[in-house]
């Protein structure tokens, strides 16, 4: 689910005047690691996965760890998931660049 308190916490932790949005559609969960390697690095981050019931909790944990290891200067990360009838699973990132 989308936790708006987490969303607000991540935004409040962003001291800069600029936020970056990255929307990453993917076909297979194994593709996401490579796609994350080309994305921006963050200081604060709110991320959310939109997808079907076929995405597992271990997968969500792997994505969270990959996002956090990709951004070594991360000071705040709130991570959510939403079961949604989207045509393709999608990772949405909103945060202050590192």
PDB file of N, CA and C in Angstrom:
ATOM      1  N   UNK A   1       0.828  -1.181   0.000  1.00  0.00           N
ATOM      2  CA  UNK A   1       0.000   0.000   0.000  1.00  0.00           C
ATOM      3  C   UNK A   1       0.875   1.248   0.000  1.00  0.00           C
ATOM      4  N   UNK A   2       0.310   2.349  -0.361  1.00  0.00           N
ATOM      5  CA  UNK A   2       1.026   3.614  -0.351  1.00  0.00           C
ATOM      6  C   UNK A   2       0.796   4.255   1.007  1.00  0.00           C
ATOM      7  N   UNK A   3       1.880   4.466   1.736  1.00  0.00           N
ATOM      8  CA  UNK A   3       1.796   5.072   3.061  1.00  0.00           C
ATOM      9  C   UNK A   3       2.160   6.548   2.917  1.00  0.00           C
ATOM     10  N   UNK A   4       1.166   7.411   3.012  1.00  0.00           N
ATOM     11  CA  UNK A   4       1.405   8.831   2.808  1.00  0.00           C
ATOM     12  C   UNK A   4       2.235   9.451   3.935  1.00  0.00           C
ATOM     13  N   UNK A   5       2.221   8.851   5.119  1.00  0.00           N
ATOM     14  CA  UNK A   5       3.085   9.329   6.198  1.00  0.00           C
ATOM     15  C   UNK A   5       4.548   9.084   5.824  1.00  0.00           C
ATOM     16  N   UNK A   6       4.857   7.915   5.237  1.00  0.00           N
ATOM     17  CA  UNK A   6       6.212   7.633   4.776  1.00  0.00           C
ATOM     18  C   UNK A   6       6.608   8.586   3.654  1.00  0.00           C
ATOM     19  N   UNK A   7       5.686   8.857   2.756  1.00  0.00           N
ATOM     20  CA  UNK A   7       5.927   9.789   1.660  1.00  0.00           C
ATOM     21  C   UNK A   7       6.303  11.167   2.213  1.00  0.00           C
ATOM     22  N   UNK A   8       5.533  11.626   3.191  1.00  0.00           N
ATOM     23  CA  UNK A   8       5.781  12.935   3.807  1.00  0.00           C
ATOM     24  C   UNK A   8       7.114  12.943   4.569  1.00  0.00           C
ATOM     25  N   UNK A   9       7.424  11.864   5.255  1.00  0.00           N
ATOM     26  CA  UNK A   9       8.688  11.769   5.985  1.00  0.00           C
ATOM     27  C   UNK A   9       9.874  11.882   5.024  1.00  0.00           C
ATOM     28  N   UNK A  10       9.797  11.185   3.899  1.00  0.00           N
ATOM     29  CA  UNK A  10      10.876  11.248   2.915  1.00  0.00           C
ATOM     30  C   UNK A  10      11.005  12.650   2.332  1.00  0.00           C
ATOM     31  N   UNK A  11       9.889  13.293   2.066  1.00  0.00           N
ATOM     32  CA  UNK A  11       9.940  14.658   1.539  1.00  0.00           C
ATOM     33  C   UNK A  11      10.493  15.632   2.572  1.00  0.00           C
ATOM     34  N   UNK A  12      10.081  15.494   3.816  1.00  0.00           N
ATOM     35  CA  UNK A  12      10.568  16.378   4.876  1.00  0.00           C
ATOM     36  C   UNK A  12      12.077  16.252   5.080  1.00  0.00           C
ATOM     37  N   UNK A  13      12.630  15.075   4.831  1.00  0.00           N
ATOM     38  CA  UNK A  13      14.070  14.854   5.002  1.00  0.00           C
ATOM     39  C   UNK A  13      14.888  15.437   3.849  1.00  0.00           C
ATOM     40  N   UNK A  14      14.219  15.818   2.777  1.00  0.00           N
ATOM     41  CA  UNK A  14      14.897  16.389   1.615  1.00  0.00           C
ATOM     42  C   UNK A  14      15.129  17.873   1.846  1.00  0.00           C
ATOM     43  N   UNK A  15      16.370  18.229   2.092  1.00  0.00           N
ATOM     44  CA  UNK A  15      16.706  19.622   2.389  1.00  0.00           C
ATOM     45  C   UNK A  15      16.875  20.455   1.131  1.00  0.00           C
ATOM     46  N   UNK A  16      17.200  19.824   0.029  1.00  0.00           N
ATOM     47  CA  UNK A  16      17.442  20.555  -1.214  1.00  0.00           C
ATOM     48  C   UNK A  16      16.151  21.020  -1.865  1.00  0.00           C
ATOM     49  N   UNK A  17      16.311  21.844  -2.872  1.00  0.00           N
ATOM     50  CA  UNK A  17      15.154  22.394  -3.578  1.00  0.00           C
ATOM     51  C   UNK A  17      14.811  21.577  -4.817  1.00  0.00           C
ATOM     52  N   UNK A  18      15.532  20.485  -5.045  1.00  0.00           N
ATOM     53  CA  UNK A  18      15.325  19.703  -6.257  1.00  0.00           C
ATOM     54  C   UNK A  18      15.073  18.244  -5.907  1.00  0.00           C
ATOM     55  N   UNK A  19      14.039  17.676  -6.517  1.00  0.00           N
ATOM     56  CA  UNK A  19      13.748  16.251  -6.394  1.00  0.00           C
ATOM     57  C   UNK A  19      13.843  15.622  -7.780  1.00  0.00           C
ATOM     58  N   UNK A  20      14.200  14.358  -7.803  1.00  0.00           N
ATOM     59  CA  UNK A  20      14.296  13.613  -9.057  1.00  0.00           C
ATOM     60  C   UNK A  20      13.282  12.486  -9.037  1.00  0.00           C
ATOM     61  N   UNK A  21      12.613  12.294 -10.165  1.00  0.00           N
ATOM     62  CA  UNK A  21      11.671  11.187 -10.325  1.00  0.00           C
ATOM     63  C   UNK A  21      12.242  10.239 -11.367  1.00  0.00           C
ATOM     64  N   UNK A  22      12.203   8.967 -11.065  1.00  0.00           N
ATOM     65  CA  UNK A  22      12.612   7.943 -12.017  1.00  0.00           C
ATOM     66  C   UNK A  22      11.522   6.876 -12.023  1.00  0.00           C
ATOM     67  N   UNK A  23      10.984   6.587 -13.187  1.00  0.00           N
ATOM     68  CA  UNK A  23       9.937   5.572 -13.335  1.00  0.00           C
ATOM     69  C   UNK A  23      10.525   4.463 -14.192  1.00  0.00           C
ATOM     70  N   UNK A  24      10.611   3.263 -13.612  1.00  0.00           N
ATOM     71  CA  UNK A  24      11.305   2.152 -14.261  1.00  0.00           C
ATOM     72  C   UNK A  24      10.340   0.978 -14.465  1.00  0.00           C
ATOM     73  N   UNK A  25       9.782   0.833 -15.665  1.00  0.00           N
ATOM     74  CA  UNK A  25       8.982  -0.359 -15.953  1.00  0.00           C
ATOM     75  C   UNK A  25       9.914  -1.552 -16.207  1.00  0.00           C
ATOM     76  N   UNK A  26       9.484  -2.728 -15.821  1.00  0.00           N
ATOM     77  CA  UNK A  26      10.305  -3.914 -16.056  1.00  0.00           C
ATOM     78  C   UNK A  26       9.408  -5.101 -16.349  1.00  0.00           C
ATOM     79  N   UNK A  27       9.935  -6.027 -17.149  1.00  0.00           N
ATOM     80  CA  UNK A  27       9.180  -7.229 -17.506  1.00  0.00           C
ATOM     81  C   UNK A  27       9.417  -8.353 -16.521  1.00  0.00           C
ATOM     82  N   UNK A  28      10.656  -8.502 -16.099  1.00  0.00           N
ATOM     83  CA  UNK A  28      11.017  -9.598 -15.224  1.00  0.00           C
ATOM     84  C   UNK A  28      11.784  -9.029 -14.032  1.00  0.00           C
ATOM     85  N   UNK A  29      11.494  -9.481 -12.820  1.00  0.00           N
ATOM     86  CA  UNK A  29      12.197  -8.962 -11.643  1.00  0.00           C
ATOM     87  C   UNK A  29      13.718  -9.052 -11.749  1.00  0.00           C
ATOM     88  N   UNK A  30      14.223 -10.056 -12.447  1.00  0.00           N
ATOM     89  CA  UNK A  30      15.680 -10.186 -12.567  1.00  0.00           C
ATOM     90  C   UNK A  30      16.285  -9.060 -13.407  1.00  0.00           C
ATOM     91  N   UNK A  31      15.492  -8.403 -14.258  1.00  0.00           N
ATOM     92  CA  UNK A  31      15.975  -7.279 -15.071  1.00  0.00           C
ATOM     93  C   UNK A  31      16.188  -6.016 -14.242  1.00  0.00           C
ATOM     94  N   UNK A  32      15.523  -5.925 -13.120  1.00  0.00           N
ATOM     95  CA  UNK A  32      15.512  -4.678 -12.365  1.00  0.00           C
ATOM     96  C   UNK A  32      16.881  -4.297 -11.814  1.00  0.00           C
ATOM     97  N   UNK A  33      17.681  -5.261 -11.428  1.00  0.00           N
ATOM     98  CA  UNK A  33      19.007  -4.955 -10.890  1.00  0.00           C
ATOM     99  C   UNK A  33      19.844  -4.203 -11.918  1.00  0.00           C
ATOM    100  N   UNK A  34      19.837  -4.657 -13.169  1.00  0.00           N
ATOM    101  CA  UNK A  34      20.590  -3.965 -14.219  1.00  0.00           C
ATOM    102  C   UNK A  34      20.018  -2.585 -14.480  1.00  0.00           C
ATOM    103  N   UNK A  35      18.693  -2.451 -14.461  1.00  0.00           N
ATOM    104  CA  UNK A  35      18.060  -1.159 -14.699  1.00  0.00           C
ATOM    105  C   UNK A  35      18.402  -0.163 -13.588  1.00  0.00           C
ATOM    106  N   UNK A  36      18.519  -0.636 -12.361  1.00  0.00           N
ATOM    107  CA  UNK A  36      18.863   0.242 -11.237  1.00  0.00           C
ATOM    108  C   UNK A  36      20.286   0.778 -11.355  1.00  0.00           C
ATOM    109  N   UNK A  37      21.169   0.026 -11.971  1.00  0.00           N
ATOM    110  CA  UNK A  37      22.560   0.459 -12.092  1.00  0.00           C
ATOM    111  C   UNK A  37      22.724   1.692 -12.963  1.00  0.00           C
ATOM    112  N   UNK A  38      21.762   1.987 -13.798  1.00  0.00           N
ATOM    113  CA  UNK A  38      21.866   3.151 -14.676  1.00  0.00           C
ATOM    114  C   UNK A  38      21.113   4.362 -14.124  1.00  0.00           C
ATOM    115  N   UNK A  39      20.408   4.203 -13.021  1.00  0.00           N
ATOM    116  CA  UNK A  39      19.585   5.276 -12.478  1.00  0.00           C
ATOM    117  C   UNK A  39      20.354   6.224 -11.578  1.00  0.00           C
ATOM    118  N   UNK A  40      19.676   7.256 -11.117  1.00  0.00           N
ATOM    119  CA  UNK A  40      20.326   8.243 -10.247  1.00  0.00           C
ATOM    120  C   UNK A  40      20.602   7.683  -8.851  1.00  0.00           C
ATOM    121  N   UNK A  41      21.536   8.315  -8.158  1.00  0.00           N
ATOM    122  CA  UNK A  41      21.816   8.007  -6.757  1.00  0.00           C
ATOM    123  C   UNK A  41      21.116   9.055  -5.909  1.00  0.00           C
ATOM    124  N   UNK A  42      20.693   8.648  -4.719  1.00  0.00           N
ATOM    125  CA  UNK A  42      19.852   9.515  -3.905  1.00  0.00           C
ATOM    126  C   UNK A  42      20.438   9.763  -2.522  1.00  0.00           C
ATOM    127  N   UNK A  43      20.066  10.908  -1.940  1.00  0.00           N
ATOM    128  CA  UNK A  43      20.330  11.213  -0.535  1.00  0.00           C
ATOM    129  C   UNK A  43      19.091  10.885   0.289  1.00  0.00           C
ATOM    130  N   UNK A  44      17.919  11.231  -0.212  1.00  0.00           N
ATOM    131  CA  UNK A  44      16.645  10.817   0.376  1.00  0.00           C
ATOM    132  C   UNK A  44      15.824  10.154  -0.721  1.00  0.00           C
ATOM    133  N   UNK A  45      14.996   9.190  -0.338  1.00  0.00           N
ATOM    134  CA  UNK A  45      14.282   8.432  -1.365  1.00  0.00           C
ATOM    135  C   UNK A  45      12.957   7.897  -0.841  1.00  0.00           C
ATOM    136  N   UNK A  46      11.921   8.069  -1.642  1.00  0.00           N
ATOM    137  CA  UNK A  46      10.649   7.378  -1.451  1.00  0.00           C
ATOM    138  C   UNK A  46      10.481   6.510  -2.690  1.00  0.00           C
ATOM    139  N   UNK A  47      10.360   5.220  -2.507  1.00  0.00           N
ATOM    140  CA  UNK A  47      10.213   4.319  -3.650  1.00  0.00           C
ATOM    141  C   UNK A  47       8.981   3.450  -3.457  1.00  0.00           C
ATOM    142  N   UNK A  48       8.398   3.076  -4.578  1.00  0.00           N
ATOM    143  CA  UNK A  48       7.193   2.261  -4.539  1.00  0.00           C
ATOM    144  C   UNK A  48       7.182   1.347  -5.752  1.00  0.00           C
ATOM    145  N   UNK A  49       6.842   0.104  -5.535  1.00  0.00           N
ATOM    146  CA  UNK A  49       6.673  -0.847  -6.634  1.00  0.00           C
ATOM    147  C   UNK A  49       5.187  -1.040  -6.870  1.00  0.00           C
ATOM    148  N   UNK A  50       4.789  -0.883  -8.104  1.00  0.00           N
ATOM    149  CA  UNK A  50       3.425  -1.177  -8.528  1.00  0.00           C
ATOM    150  C   UNK A  50       3.489  -2.466  -9.334  1.00  0.00           C
ATOM    151  N   UNK A  51       2.692  -3.451  -8.953  1.00  0.00           N
ATOM    152  CA  UNK A  51       2.744  -4.716  -9.670  1.00  0.00           C
ATOM    153  C   UNK A  51       1.641  -5.651  -9.238  1.00  0.00           C
ATOM    154  N   UNK A  52       1.666  -6.823  -9.831  1.00  0.00           N
ATOM    155  CA  UNK A  52       0.657  -7.830  -9.538  1.00  0.00           C
ATOM    156  C   UNK A  52       1.042  -8.693  -8.352  1.00  0.00           C
ATOM    157  N   UNK A  53       0.198  -9.653  -8.070  1.00  0.00           N
ATOM    158  CA  UNK A  53       0.405 -10.525  -6.915  1.00  0.00           C
ATOM    159  C   UNK A  53       1.545 -11.514  -7.135  1.00  0.00           C
ATOM    160  N   UNK A  54       2.064 -11.594  -8.353  1.00  0.00           N
ATOM    161  CA  UNK A  54       3.148 -12.527  -8.646  1.00  0.00           C
ATOM    162  C   UNK A  54       4.504 -12.040  -8.134  1.00  0.00           C
ATOM    163  N   UNK A  55       4.622 -10.774  -7.745  1.00  0.00           N
ATOM    164  CA  UNK A  55       5.872 -10.275  -7.182  1.00  0.00           C
ATOM    165  C   UNK A  55       5.924 -10.652  -5.706  1.00  0.00           C
ATOM    166  N   UNK A  56       7.006 -11.284  -5.303  1.00  0.00           N
ATOM    167  CA  UNK A  56       7.095 -11.849  -3.952  1.00  0.00           C
ATOM    168  C   UNK A  56       7.719 -10.871  -2.964  1.00  0.00           C
ATOM    169  N   UNK A  57       7.512 -11.135  -1.679  1.00  0.00           N
ATOM    170  CA  UNK A  57       8.145 -10.331  -0.631  1.00  0.00           C
ATOM    171  C   UNK A  57       9.673 -10.409  -0.697  1.00  0.00           C
ATOM    172  N   UNK A  58      10.264 -11.591  -0.946  1.00  0.00           N
ATOM    173  CA  UNK A  58      11.723 -11.619  -1.101  1.00  0.00           C
ATOM    174  C   UNK A  58      12.199 -10.700  -2.234  1.00  0.00           C
ATOM    175  N   UNK A  59      11.421 -10.615  -3.301  1.00  0.00           N
ATOM    176  CA  UNK A  59      11.786  -9.708  -4.390  1.00  0.00           C
ATOM    177  C   UNK A  59      11.779  -8.264  -3.911  1.00  0.00           C
ATOM    178  N   UNK A  60      10.750  -7.865  -3.181  1.00  0.00           N
ATOM    179  CA  UNK A  60      10.688  -6.505  -2.645  1.00  0.00           C
ATOM    180  C   UNK A  60      11.908  -6.220  -1.765  1.00  0.00           C
ATOM    181  N   UNK A  61      12.299  -7.198  -0.944  1.00  0.00           N
ATOM    182  CA  UNK A  61      13.483  -7.031  -0.087  1.00  0.00           C
ATOM    183  C   UNK A  61      14.750  -6.862  -0.923  1.00  0.00           C
ATOM    184  N   UNK A  62      14.876  -7.638  -2.012  1.00  0.00           N
ATOM    185  CA  UNK A  62      16.041  -7.520  -2.881  1.00  0.00           C
ATOM    186  C   UNK A  62      16.109  -6.131  -3.513  1.00  0.00           C
ATOM    187  N   UNK A  63      14.969  -5.619  -3.937  1.00  0.00           N
ATOM    188  CA  UNK A  63      14.929  -4.285  -4.551  1.00  0.00           C
ATOM    189  C   UNK A  63      15.340  -3.234  -3.527  1.00  0.00           C
ATOM    190  N   UNK A  64      14.815  -3.334  -2.322  1.00  0.00           N
ATOM    191  CA  UNK A  64      15.158  -2.365  -1.282  1.00  0.00           C
ATOM    192  C   UNK A  64      16.658  -2.374  -1.007  1.00  0.00           C
ATOM    193  N   UNK A  65      17.249  -3.554  -0.873  1.00  0.00           N
ATOM    194  CA  UNK A  65      18.685  -3.650  -0.625  1.00  0.00           C
ATOM    195  C   UNK A  65      19.484  -3.087  -1.794  1.00  0.00           C
ATOM    196  N   UNK A  66      19.045  -3.365  -3.019  1.00  0.00           N
ATOM    197  CA  UNK A  66      19.754  -2.850  -4.194  1.00  0.00           C
ATOM    198  C   UNK A  66      19.704  -1.329  -4.239  1.00  0.00           C
ATOM    199  N   UNK A  67      18.556  -0.751  -3.925  1.00  0.00           N
ATOM    200  CA  UNK A  67      18.426   0.708  -3.924  1.00  0.00           C
ATOM    201  C   UNK A  67      19.331   1.330  -2.863  1.00  0.00           C
ATOM    202  N   UNK A  68      19.363   0.738  -1.697  1.00  0.00           N
ATOM    203  CA  UNK A  68      20.170   1.289  -0.607  1.00  0.00           C
ATOM    204  C   UNK A  68      21.665   1.121  -0.863  1.00  0.00           C
ATOM    205  N   UNK A  69      22.072   0.011  -1.459  1.00  0.00           N
ATOM    206  CA  UNK A  69      23.499  -0.170  -1.742  1.00  0.00           C
ATOM    207  C   UNK A  69      23.931   0.705  -2.913  1.00  0.00           C
ATOM    208  N   UNK A  70      23.030   1.039  -3.806  1.00  0.00           N
ATOM    209  CA  UNK A  70      23.334   1.906  -4.948  1.00  0.00           C
ATOM    210  C   UNK A  70      23.569   3.349  -4.514  1.00  0.00           C
ATOM    211  N   UNK A  71      22.979   3.750  -3.404  1.00  0.00           N
ATOM    212  CA  UNK A  71      23.081   5.128  -2.924  1.00  0.00           C
ATOM    213  C   UNK A  71      23.744   5.136  -1.546  1.00  0.00           C
ATOM    214  N   UNK A  72      25.089   5.113  -1.509  1.00  0.00           N
ATOM    215  CA  UNK A  72      25.787   5.032  -0.219  1.00  0.00           C
ATOM    216  C   UNK A  72      25.568   6.255   0.679  1.00  0.00           C
ATOM    217  N   UNK A  73      25.136   7.388   0.127  1.00  0.00           N
ATOM    218  CA  UNK A  73      24.909   8.598   0.916  1.00  0.00           C
ATOM    219  C   UNK A  73      23.444   8.745   1.322  1.00  0.00           C
ATOM    220  N   UNK A  74      22.691   7.681   1.202  1.00  0.00           N
ATOM    221  CA  UNK A  74      21.275   7.694   1.535  1.00  0.00           C
ATOM    222  C   UNK A  74      21.082   7.898   3.037  1.00  0.00           C
ATOM    223  N   UNK A  75      20.310   8.909   3.424  1.00  0.00           N
ATOM    224  CA  UNK A  75      20.044   9.159   4.833  1.00  0.00           C
ATOM    225  C   UNK A  75      18.599   8.835   5.205  1.00  0.00           C
ATOM    226  N   UNK A  76      17.724   8.748   4.206  1.00  0.00           N
ATOM    227  CA  UNK A  76      16.313   8.426   4.468  1.00  0.00           C
ATOM    228  C   UNK A  76      15.771   7.648   3.278  1.00  0.00           C
ATOM    229  N   UNK A  77      15.204   6.469   3.557  1.00  0.00           N
ATOM    230  CA  UNK A  77      14.565   5.683   2.498  1.00  0.00           C
ATOM    231  C   UNK A  77      13.272   5.097   3.039  1.00  0.00           C
ATOM    232  N   UNK A  78      12.188   5.424   2.385  1.00  0.00           N
ATOM    233  CA  UNK A  78      10.893   4.828   2.685  1.00  0.00           C
ATOM    234  C   UNK A  78      10.475   4.049   1.446  1.00  0.00           C
ATOM    235  N   UNK A  79      10.056   2.811   1.646  1.00  0.00           N
ATOM    236  CA  UNK A  79       9.811   1.888   0.538  1.00  0.00           C
ATOM    237  C   UNK A  79       8.416   1.305   0.678  1.00  0.00           C
ATOM    238  N   UNK A  80       7.654   1.339  -0.386  1.00  0.00           N
ATOM    239  CA  UNK A  80       6.303   0.791  -0.349  1.00  0.00           C
ATOM    240  C   UNK A  80       6.033  -0.086  -1.553  1.00  0.00           C
ATOM    241  N   UNK A  81       4.903  -0.735  -1.499  1.00  0.00           N
ATOM    242  CA  UNK A  81       4.468  -1.565  -2.617  1.00  0.00           C
ATOM    243  C   UNK A  81       2.961  -1.468  -2.734  1.00  0.00           C
ATOM    244  N   UNK A  82       2.493  -1.605  -3.947  1.00  0.00           N
ATOM    245  CA  UNK A  82       1.059  -1.542  -4.182  1.00  0.00           C
ATOM    246  C   UNK A  82       0.695  -2.584  -5.213  1.00  0.00           C
ATOM    247  N   UNK A  83      -0.215  -3.462  -4.826  1.00  0.00           N
ATOM    248  CA  UNK A  83      -0.770  -4.417  -5.784  1.00  0.00           C
ATOM    249  C   UNK A  83      -1.693  -3.606  -6.687  1.00  0.00           C
ATOM    250  N   UNK A  84      -1.360  -3.584  -7.973  1.00  0.00           N
ATOM    251  CA  UNK A  84      -2.109  -2.747  -8.907  1.00  0.00           C
ATOM    252  C   UNK A  84      -2.292  -3.488 -10.220  1.00  0.00           C
ATOM    253  N   UNK A  85      -3.378  -3.199 -10.888  1.00  0.00           N
ATOM    254  CA  UNK A  85      -3.660  -3.791 -12.185  1.00  0.00           C
ATOM    255  C   UNK A  85      -2.954  -3.032 -13.294  1.00  0.00           C
ATOM    256  N   UNK A  86      -1.629  -2.982 -13.224  1.00  0.00           N
ATOM    257  CA  UNK A  86      -0.847  -2.290 -14.238  1.00  0.00           C
ATOM    258  C   UNK A  86      -0.409  -3.296 -15.306  1.00  0.00           C
ATOM    259  N   UNK A  87      -0.243  -2.845 -16.551  1.00  0.00           N
ATOM    260  CA  UNK A  87       0.133  -3.793 -17.598  1.00  0.00           C
ATOM    261  C   UNK A  87       1.546  -4.347 -17.443  1.00  0.00           C
ATOM    262  N   UNK A  88       2.388  -3.596 -16.719  1.00  0.00           N
ATOM    263  CA  UNK A  88       3.771  -4.002 -16.528  1.00  0.00           C
ATOM    264  C   UNK A  88       4.209  -3.544 -15.137  1.00  0.00           C
ATOM    265  N   UNK A  89       4.897  -4.397 -14.360  1.00  0.00           N
ATOM    266  CA  UNK A  89       5.388  -3.946 -13.056  1.00  0.00           C
ATOM    267  C   UNK A  89       6.260  -2.704 -13.223  1.00  0.00           C
ATOM    268  N   UNK A  90       6.168  -1.794 -12.261  1.00  0.00           N
ATOM    269  CA  UNK A  90       6.866  -0.520 -12.370  1.00  0.00           C
ATOM    270  C   UNK A  90       7.430  -0.108 -11.012  1.00  0.00           C
ATOM    271  N   UNK A  91       8.666   0.361 -11.009  1.00  0.00           N
ATOM    272  CA  UNK A  91       9.292   0.910  -9.816  1.00  0.00           C
ATOM    273  C   UNK A  91       9.305   2.427  -9.972  1.00  0.00           C
ATOM    274  N   UNK A  92       8.756   3.125  -8.986  1.00  0.00           N
ATOM    275  CA  UNK A  92       8.707   4.582  -8.997  1.00  0.00           C
ATOM    276  C   UNK A  92       9.622   5.098  -7.892  1.00  0.00           C
ATOM    277  N   UNK A  93      10.545   5.975  -8.258  1.00  0.00           N
ATOM    278  CA  UNK A  93      11.496   6.544  -7.308  1.00  0.00           C
ATOM    279  C   UNK A  93      11.323   8.050  -7.278  1.00  0.00           C
ATOM    280  N   UNK A  94      11.268   8.623  -6.088  1.00  0.00           N
ATOM    281  CA  UNK A  94      11.208  10.065  -5.916  1.00  0.00           C
ATOM    282  C   UNK A  94      12.153  10.417  -4.779  1.00  0.00           C
ATOM    283  N   UNK A  95      13.118  11.272  -5.063  1.00  0.00           N
ATOM    284  CA  UNK A  95      14.052  11.601  -4.009  1.00  0.00           C
ATOM    285  C   UNK A  95      14.969  12.757  -4.353  1.00  0.00           C
ATOM    286  N   UNK A  96      15.741  13.131  -3.352  1.00  0.00           N
ATOM    287  CA  UNK A  96      16.741  14.187  -3.515  1.00  0.00           C
ATOM    288  C   UNK A  96      18.026  13.549  -4.006  1.00  0.00           C
ATOM    289  N   UNK A  97      18.563  14.040  -5.113  1.00  0.00           N
ATOM    290  CA  UNK A  97      19.803  13.456  -5.625  1.00  0.00           C
ATOM    291  C   UNK A  97      20.963  13.608  -4.646  1.00  0.00           C
ATOM    292  N   UNK A  98      21.860  12.647  -4.665  1.00  0.00           N
ATOM    293  CA  UNK A  98      23.050  12.675  -3.799  1.00  0.00           C
ATOM    294  C   UNK A  98      24.071  13.652  -4.355  1.00  0.00           C
TER     295      UNK A  98
END
